[in-house]
């Protein structure tokens, strides 16, 4: 994987993988930020569980559970606790 920054317990823990082609140039700061990111690239997640389960590209999540569960959404910005939680 290229261009990754992970700070915090479980940040980017499950990024990319052999079965997936992605997970490049992501930044995750906070416990479990971008924890299950199999394909998404160019994402920024700051906060506990921010972008916790994401497959989208070019997303920015700032705050507790912001954009948590973003399955396929691209080009989103979520700011605040629970902002866009469960977004598709």
Protein backbone atom coordinates (compact mmCIF):
# COMPACT_ATOMS: atom_id res chain seq x y z
CA UNK A 1 0.00 0.00 0.00
CA UNK A 2 1.22 3.49 -0.82
CA UNK A 3 0.81 6.84 0.88
CA UNK A 4 -0.84 5.75 4.13
CA UNK A 5 -0.88 7.59 7.47
CA UNK A 6 -2.44 5.85 10.48
CA UNK A 7 -2.42 7.23 14.02
CA UNK A 8 -4.51 5.53 16.70
CA UNK A 9 -5.52 2.05 17.82
CA UNK A 10 -6.94 0.12 14.86
CA UNK A 11 -6.63 3.02 12.41
CA UNK A 12 -6.44 1.60 8.85
CA UNK A 13 -6.20 -1.86 10.42
CA UNK A 14 -7.95 -3.63 7.52
CA UNK A 15 -6.85 -1.44 4.62
CA UNK A 16 -6.74 -2.95 1.13
CA UNK A 17 -5.87 -6.61 0.87
CA UNK A 18 -4.94 -9.17 -1.74
CA UNK A 19 -8.51 -9.58 -3.00
CA UNK A 20 -9.01 -5.82 -3.40
CA UNK A 21 -7.32 -3.27 -5.61
CA UNK A 22 -7.28 -0.08 -3.59
CA UNK A 23 -6.64 1.46 -0.24
CA UNK A 24 -4.03 3.96 -1.40
CA UNK A 25 -3.22 7.46 -0.12
CA UNK A 26 -5.47 7.40 2.96
CA UNK A 27 -5.06 9.25 6.24
CA UNK A 28 -6.70 7.95 9.41
CA UNK A 29 -6.33 9.61 12.81
CA UNK A 30 -8.26 8.18 15.75
CA UNK A 31 -9.31 4.86 17.20
CA UNK A 32 -10.61 2.57 14.43
CA UNK A 33 -10.67 5.39 11.87
CA UNK A 34 -10.94 3.88 8.36
CA UNK A 35 -10.77 0.48 10.06
CA UNK A 36 -12.49 -1.54 7.31
CA UNK A 37 -11.33 0.20 4.15
CA UNK A 38 -10.89 -2.46 1.50
CA UNK A 39 -10.99 -0.46 -1.72
CA UNK A 40 -11.24 3.25 -0.93
CA UNK A 41 -8.42 5.63 -1.80
CA UNK A 42 -7.69 9.32 -1.17
CA UNK A 43 -9.76 9.42 2.05
CA UNK A 44 -9.20 11.39 5.24
CA UNK A 45 -10.76 10.26 8.51
CA UNK A 46 -10.23 12.08 11.81
CA UNK A 47 -12.07 10.88 14.90
CA UNK A 48 -13.25 7.72 16.65
CA UNK A 49 -14.81 5.36 14.04
CA UNK A 50 -14.68 8.06 11.33
CA UNK A 51 -15.18 6.31 7.95
CA UNK A 52 -15.12 3.05 9.95
CA UNK A 53 -16.40 0.84 7.13
CA UNK A 54 -15.80 2.48 3.78
CA UNK A 55 -15.25 1.45 0.18
CA UNK A 56 -15.56 4.90 -1.39
CA UNK A 57 -12.94 7.30 -2.71
CA UNK A 58 -12.13 10.96 -2.00
CA UNK A 59 -14.10 11.25 1.25
CA UNK A 60 -13.39 13.43 4.28
CA UNK A 61 -14.86 12.62 7.69
CA UNK A 62 -14.19 14.72 10.80
CA UNK A 63 -15.80 13.66 14.07
CA UNK A 64 -17.02 10.75 16.14
CA UNK A 65 -18.69 8.18 13.81
CA UNK A 66 -18.65 10.63 10.88
CA UNK A 67 -19.41 8.78 7.62
CA UNK A 68 -19.36 5.48 9.49
CA UNK A 69 -20.72 2.79 7.16
CA UNK A 70 -20.02 4.67 3.92
CA UNK A 71 -20.30 1.63 1.66
CA UNK A 72 -19.88 3.04 -1.84
CA UNK A 73 -20.17 6.83 -1.61
CA UNK A 74 -17.51 9.00 -3.21
CA UNK A 75 -16.62 12.70 -2.83
CA UNK A 76 -18.38 13.27 0.53
CA UNK A 77 -17.53 15.65 3.35
CA UNK A 78 -18.97 14.95 6.81
CA UNK A 79 -18.19 17.17 9.79
CA UNK A 80 -19.53 16.53 13.28
CA UNK A 81 -20.50 13.70 15.57
CA UNK A 82 -22.43 11.07 13.59
CA UNK A 83 -22.51 13.20 10.44
CA UNK A 84 -23.73 11.13 7.47
CA UNK A 85 -23.57 7.97 9.60
CA UNK A 86 -24.77 5.00 7.55
CA UNK A 87 -24.34 6.80 4.23
CA UNK A 88 -24.47 4.73 1.06
